[in-house]
Amino acid sequence: MNTRADHTDLVRYPGRMLEQMEAIAQTSRFAALKLLVRYLPFGLQAGDIARLIGVPHNTLSTHMAVLENAGLVRSRREGRSIIYAAESKACSALLSALSAELDPVHKRDLRATDIPIIKEAHMSQKSYNVLILCTGNSARSILAEALINREGKGRFRAFSAGSQPKGIPNPAGLKLLDELGYDTAGFRSKSWSEFDGPDAPKMDFIITVCDSAAGESCPVWPGHPLVAHWGIPDPADVGETDAGRRAAFLEAYRHLSARITDFVNLPVETLDLSSLKQELARIGQMEGATPMAINGKAA
């Protein structure tokens, strides 16, 4: 049966729906599918999924094969990596079929895109301010600001700036964010001097996403925030066509997505200062890291 059929076909052929329900009835497979739904349409590398849901790589392969056979995910190879992505139409059809069977009094909005990624055990009343720095504040830092504000769910509030702001965000980056459902109207390229004064928001974390910004002499930030370097290659330097530029920004977004998902799920309140620094450094060395990020940078 075509996995792209609508929910009426799933109701008509309950065997297929039962197969899909059995596929997601296992805890790790359900967690993997929820994660991939949040990263539509591009997906995540197999190693990132295994790390984020806490299963061994060989176990993950078995789970993903079950989900793929059920038509809920698809896989592709990029170099040495296997990327898994959710089949959006199949997932939506399953949710719609289930929703249609619920008593109207008990119906809930089951939109897959609203499945939360933050672990409830880590939620608290405290919120944290994060400043993302990149020299031009036009590409990577804008993507990271958007991601943290979406994935942080109010627990993390992101800002971005640069030492030599270009004035406007990169159009290719804004176009990608717009395609992914972000409101891009408020993004702007600005100087980090906006955040080093007494009236500026107090930052808890300063994160550099380009090597040049990491190597510059930064202002003395009020409150002594934790500093980390998550350098990834600049997507603005890649691609001579619209398709090439979009692919480069999509890759940068994917690398930042994995880092920020990990970051917003850290039990910040329970980690001591040394452990928190180690976690931030580990995140910076994830797939796609620049040599400076891999080798470490003194804070």
Protein backbone atom coordinates (compact mmCIF):
# COMPACT_ATOMS: atom_id res chain seq x y z
CA MET A 1 0.00 0.00 0.00
CA ASN A 2 1.21 3.49 -0.81
CA THR A 3 2.39 5.16 2.42
CA ARG A 4 1.26 8.51 1.04
CA ALA A 5 -2.39 7.56 1.11
CA ASP A 6 -4.66 9.69 3.27
CA HIS A 7 -6.12 8.61 6.60
CA THR A 8 -9.27 7.21 5.01
CA ASP A 9 -7.14 4.57 3.30
CA LEU A 10 -5.59 3.64 6.63
CA VAL A 11 -9.06 3.22 8.11
CA ARG A 12 -10.11 1.16 5.09
CA TYR A 13 -7.01 -1.04 5.41
CA PRO A 14 -6.53 -1.46 9.18
CA GLY A 15 -3.67 -3.94 8.69
CA ARG A 16 -1.38 -1.16 7.51
CA MET A 17 -2.34 1.09 10.41
CA LEU A 18 -1.77 -1.78 12.83
CA GLU A 19 1.69 -2.32 11.34
CA GLN A 20 2.55 1.35 11.85
CA MET A 21 1.15 1.34 15.38
CA GLU A 22 3.23 -1.72 16.24
CA ALA A 23 6.30 0.02 14.81
CA ILE A 24 5.95 3.01 17.14
CA ALA A 25 4.76 1.01 20.16
CA GLN A 26 8.39 0.49 21.23
CA THR A 27 9.80 3.37 23.33
CA SER A 28 13.02 3.99 21.40
CA ARG A 29 11.31 3.85 18.00
CA PHE A 30 8.65 6.30 19.16
CA ALA A 31 11.36 8.65 20.47
CA ALA A 32 13.26 8.41 17.17
CA LEU A 33 10.16 9.19 15.12
CA LYS A 34 9.26 12.18 17.31
CA LEU A 35 12.79 13.50 16.86
CA LEU A 36 12.68 13.10 13.08
CA VAL A 37 9.28 14.81 12.86
CA ARG A 38 10.86 17.87 14.47
CA TYR A 39 13.56 17.90 11.79
CA LEU A 40 11.40 17.64 8.70
CA PRO A 41 12.15 17.69 5.85
CA PHE A 42 15.89 17.01 5.99
CA GLY A 43 16.28 14.52 8.86
CA LEU A 44 19.23 13.61 11.07
CA GLN A 45 22.38 11.54 10.81
CA ALA A 46 22.08 8.07 12.35
CA GLY A 47 24.75 8.78 14.96
CA ASP A 48 22.96 11.93 16.12
CA ILE A 49 19.68 10.04 16.53
CA ALA A 50 21.39 7.29 18.53
CA ARG A 51 23.02 9.83 20.84
CA LEU A 52 19.93 11.96 21.34
CA ILE A 53 17.60 9.07 22.22
CA GLY A 54 20.30 7.15 24.10
CA VAL A 55 20.58 3.83 22.23
CA PRO A 56 23.61 1.99 20.76
CA HIS A 57 24.24 2.44 17.03
CA ASN A 58 23.55 -1.20 16.14
CA THR A 59 20.29 -1.13 18.09
CA LEU A 60 19.26 2.06 16.32
CA SER A 61 19.76 0.42 12.92
CA THR A 62 17.33 -2.33 13.89
CA HIS A 63 14.74 0.17 15.11
CA MET A 64 15.04 2.36 12.01
CA ALA A 65 14.57 -0.67 9.75
CA VAL A 66 11.25 -1.36 11.47
CA LEU A 67 10.11 2.25 11.02
CA GLU A 68 11.24 2.27 7.39
CA ASN A 69 9.43 -0.99 6.61
CA ALA A 70 6.29 0.54 8.10
CA GLY A 71 6.65 3.50 5.74
CA LEU A 72 7.11 6.07 8.49
CA VAL A 73 10.73 7.03 7.72
CA ARG A 74 13.08 6.92 4.77
CA SER A 75 16.87 6.76 4.60
CA ARG A 76 19.52 8.14 2.28
CA ARG A 77 23.29 8.02 2.21
CA GLU A 78 25.44 11.15 2.25
CA GLY A 79 29.10 10.19 2.02
CA ARG A 80 29.76 7.79 4.88
CA SER A 81 26.67 8.87 6.81
CA ILE A 82 23.14 7.52 6.71
CA ILE A 83 20.49 10.21 7.08
CA TYR A 84 17.00 9.30 8.24
CA ALA A 85 13.97 11.53 7.64
CA ALA A 86 10.32 11.17 8.62
CA GLU A 87 7.78 10.50 5.89
CA SER A 88 5.60 13.49 6.64
CA LYS A 89 2.53 12.41 4.68
CA ALA A 90 2.55 8.91 6.17
CA CYS A 91 2.92 10.28 9.72
CA SER A 92 0.16 12.83 9.16
CA ALA A 93 -2.13 10.17 7.69
CA LEU A 94 -1.63 7.95 10.74
CA LEU A 95 -2.30 10.78 13.17
CA SER A 96 -5.37 11.88 11.21
CA ALA A 97 -6.75 8.34 11.16
CA LEU A 98 -6.31 8.03 14.92
CA SER A 99 -7.76 11.48 15.56
CA ALA A 100 -10.82 10.67 13.49
CA GLU A 101 -11.55 7.71 15.75
CA LEU A 102 -11.42 9.74 18.97
CA ASP A 103 -14.59 10.82 20.74
CA PRO A 104 -15.15 14.49 19.78
CA VAL A 105 -15.24 15.47 23.46
CA HIS A 106 -11.72 14.08 23.96
CA LYS A 107 -10.12 15.14 20.70
CA ARG A 108 -6.74 16.82 20.97
CA ASP A 109 -4.68 18.61 18.38
CA LEU A 110 -2.34 15.84 17.25
CA ARG A 111 -0.23 17.89 14.84
CA ALA A 112 3.12 16.12 14.63
CA THR A 113 5.05 19.37 14.48
CA ASP A 114 3.89 20.25 17.99
CA ILE A 115 5.46 17.20 19.67
CA PRO A 116 7.79 18.68 22.32
CA ILE A 117 11.48 17.84 22.25
CA ILE A 118 12.41 19.16 25.71
CA LYS A 119 12.42 16.48 28.40
CA GLU A 120 9.95 17.41 31.15
CA ALA A 121 12.46 16.45 33.86
CA HIS A 122 14.65 19.32 32.74
CA MET A 123 11.97 21.97 32.77
CA SER A 124 12.14 24.67 35.43
CA GLN A 125 10.95 28.17 36.14
CA LYS A 126 14.40 29.62 35.39
CA SER A 127 15.19 30.85 31.91
CA TYR A 128 18.59 31.41 30.34
CA ASN A 129 19.82 34.06 27.90
CA VAL A 130 22.14 32.92 25.10
CA LEU A 131 24.14 35.23 22.82
CA ILE A 132 25.26 33.69 19.52
CA LEU A 133 28.26 35.40 17.92
CA CYS A 134 29.56 35.29 14.37
CA THR A 135 31.71 37.98 12.77
CA GLY A 136 29.12 39.13 10.22
CA ASN A 137 25.97 38.10 12.12
CA SER A 138 24.28 37.23 8.83
CA ALA A 139 24.20 33.44 8.46
CA ARG A 140 25.14 30.86 11.12
CA SER A 141 24.35 33.05 14.11
CA ILE A 142 20.94 33.93 12.66
CA LEU A 143 20.14 30.24 12.15
CA ALA A 144 21.24 29.44 15.70
CA GLU A 145 19.18 32.29 17.16
CA ALA A 146 16.09 30.98 15.37
CA LEU A 147 16.69 27.41 16.48
CA ILE A 148 17.30 28.18 20.15
CA ASN A 149 14.23 30.38 20.40
CA ARG A 150 12.09 27.62 18.86
CA GLU A 151 13.60 24.59 20.57
CA GLY A 152 14.18 26.35 23.90
CA LYS A 153 10.43 26.75 24.42
CA GLY A 154 10.98 29.81 26.61
CA ARG A 155 13.56 28.08 28.81
CA PHE A 156 16.31 29.51 26.59
CA ARG A 157 16.11 32.94 24.99
CA ALA A 158 18.55 33.61 22.15
CA PHE A 159 20.10 36.75 20.70
CA SER A 160 22.72 37.08 17.96
CA ALA A 161 25.34 39.65 17.06
CA GLY A 162 28.68 40.13 15.32
CA SER A 163 31.92 42.06 15.65
CA GLN A 164 31.56 43.34 12.06
CA PRO A 165 27.86 43.02 11.23
CA LYS A 166 26.95 42.99 7.55
CA GLY A 167 23.79 44.99 8.07
CA ILE A 168 21.29 42.43 6.76
CA PRO A 169 20.97 38.66 7.23
CA ASN A 170 21.92 36.44 4.30
CA PRO A 171 18.89 36.09 1.98
CA ALA A 172 19.50 32.37 1.45
CA GLY A 173 19.39 31.78 5.21
CA LEU A 174 16.20 33.79 5.63
CA LYS A 175 14.58 31.94 2.74
CA LEU A 176 15.38 28.57 4.35
CA LEU A 177 14.03 29.70 7.72
CA ASP A 178 10.88 30.95 6.02
CA GLU A 179 10.44 27.56 4.31
CA LEU A 180 10.81 25.86 7.69
CA GLY A 181 8.05 27.92 9.24
CA TYR A 182 9.97 30.63 11.09
CA ASP A 183 8.81 34.22 11.28
CA THR A 184 11.82 35.99 9.77
CA ALA A 185 10.53 39.57 10.03
CA GLY A 186 12.45 40.37 13.21
CA PHE A 187 15.90 39.10 12.23
CA ARG A 188 18.61 41.70 11.73
CA SER A 189 22.40 41.86 11.61
CA LYS A 190 23.73 43.87 14.58
CA SER A 191 26.87 44.67 16.53
CA TRP A 192 27.83 42.85 19.69
CA SER A 193 28.23 46.27 21.30
CA GLU A 194 24.45 46.20 21.83
CA PHE A 195 24.97 43.53 24.47
CA ASP A 196 27.98 44.72 26.48
CA GLY A 197 26.38 47.70 28.24
CA PRO A 198 24.77 47.92 31.67
CA ASP A 199 21.25 48.05 30.21
CA ALA A 200 21.69 44.99 27.98
CA PRO A 201 20.13 41.63 28.89
CA LYS A 202 22.40 39.63 31.17
CA MET A 203 23.75 36.61 29.28
CA ASP A 204 24.16 33.16 30.78
CA PHE A 205 25.91 31.69 27.73
CA ILE A 206 28.03 33.15 24.93
CA ILE A 207 28.42 30.81 21.95
CA THR A 208 30.58 31.53 18.90
CA VAL A 209 29.69 29.71 15.70
CA CYS A 210 32.51 30.90 13.44
CA ASP A 211 36.25 30.55 14.02
CA SER A 212 37.05 34.18 13.27
CA ALA A 213 34.66 35.42 15.96
CA ALA A 214 36.09 32.88 18.40
CA GLY A 215 39.57 34.25 17.80
CA GLU A 216 38.67 37.90 18.35
CA SER A 217 38.94 39.84 21.58
CA CYS A 218 35.39 39.98 22.86
CA PRO A 219 33.93 42.61 25.18
CA VAL A 220 33.85 41.92 28.91
CA TRP A 221 30.35 40.53 29.23
CA PRO A 222 28.34 41.50 32.32
CA GLY A 223 27.62 38.59 34.65
CA HIS A 224 30.55 36.39 33.52
CA PRO A 225 28.57 34.04 31.25
CA LEU A 226 29.89 30.64 30.18
CA VAL A 227 31.64 30.78 26.79
CA ALA A 228 31.73 27.97 24.22
CA HIS A 229 32.81 27.60 20.59
CA TRP A 230 30.59 25.63 18.19
CA GLY A 231 32.35 26.43 14.94
CA ILE A 232 30.87 25.05 11.71
CA PRO A 233 31.74 25.96 8.09
CA ASP A 234 30.23 29.14 6.68
CA PRO A 235 27.34 28.29 4.31
CA ALA A 236 27.58 31.74 2.74
CA ASP A 237 30.88 30.73 1.13
CA VAL A 238 29.39 27.70 -0.65
CA GLY A 239 27.32 27.35 -3.81
CA GLU A 240 27.10 29.30 -7.03
CA THR A 241 23.43 28.55 -7.69
CA ASP A 242 20.27 28.92 -5.63
CA ALA A 243 20.15 25.15 -5.19
CA GLY A 244 23.80 25.04 -4.09
CA ARG A 245 23.34 27.85 -1.59
CA ARG A 246 20.20 26.25 -0.18
CA ALA A 247 22.00 22.94 0.24
CA ALA A 248 24.84 24.65 2.11
CA PHE A 249 22.46 26.47 4.45
CA LEU A 250 20.46 23.28 4.97
CA GLU A 251 23.65 21.48 6.01
CA ALA A 252 24.58 24.28 8.42
CA TYR A 253 21.06 24.23 9.83
CA ARG A 254 21.25 20.45 10.33
CA HIS A 255 24.55 20.69 12.23
CA LEU A 256 23.23 23.50 14.41
CA SER A 257 19.97 21.63 14.97
CA ALA A 258 21.78 18.64 16.45
CA ARG A 259 23.86 20.86 18.74
CA ILE A 260 20.95 22.96 19.93
CA THR A 261 18.69 19.97 20.55
CA ASP A 262 21.42 18.57 22.79
CA PHE A 263 21.96 21.95 24.46
CA VAL A 264 18.34 22.69 25.35
CA ASN A 265 18.01 19.21 26.87
CA LEU A 266 20.97 19.66 29.23
CA PRO A 267 20.04 19.48 32.94
CA VAL A 268 21.62 22.91 33.47
CA GLU A 269 20.23 23.31 36.97
CA THR A 270 21.85 20.11 38.26
CA LEU A 271 25.26 20.29 36.55
CA ASP A 272 28.22 21.83 38.36
CA LEU A 273 30.24 24.49 36.54
CA SER A 274 33.01 22.12 35.43
CA SER A 275 30.56 19.53 34.09
CA LEU A 276 28.55 22.18 32.25
CA LYS A 277 31.70 23.49 30.55
CA GLN A 278 32.58 19.95 29.49
CA GLU A 279 29.11 19.42 28.06
CA LEU A 280 29.29 22.66 26.06
CA ALA A 281 32.70 21.66 24.68
CA ARG A 282 31.42 18.19 23.76
CA ILE A 283 28.49 19.69 21.88
CA GLY A 284 30.88 21.91 19.96
CA GLN A 285 32.78 18.85 18.72
CA MET A 286 29.80 17.15 17.13
CA GLU A 287 29.59 16.23 13.46
CA GLY A 288 30.53 19.09 11.12
CA ALA A 289 32.77 20.91 13.61
CA THR A 290 35.63 23.07 12.39
CA PRO A 291 39.20 22.12 13.45
CA MET A 292 39.20 24.92 16.01
CA ALA A 293 36.02 23.58 17.60
CA ILE A 294 37.38 20.03 17.62
CA ASN A 295 40.73 21.02 19.14
CA GLY A 296 39.11 23.23 21.74
CA LYS A 297 39.29 26.93 22.51
CA ALA A 298 40.17 28.50 25.81
CA ALA A 299 37.22 30.39 27.24
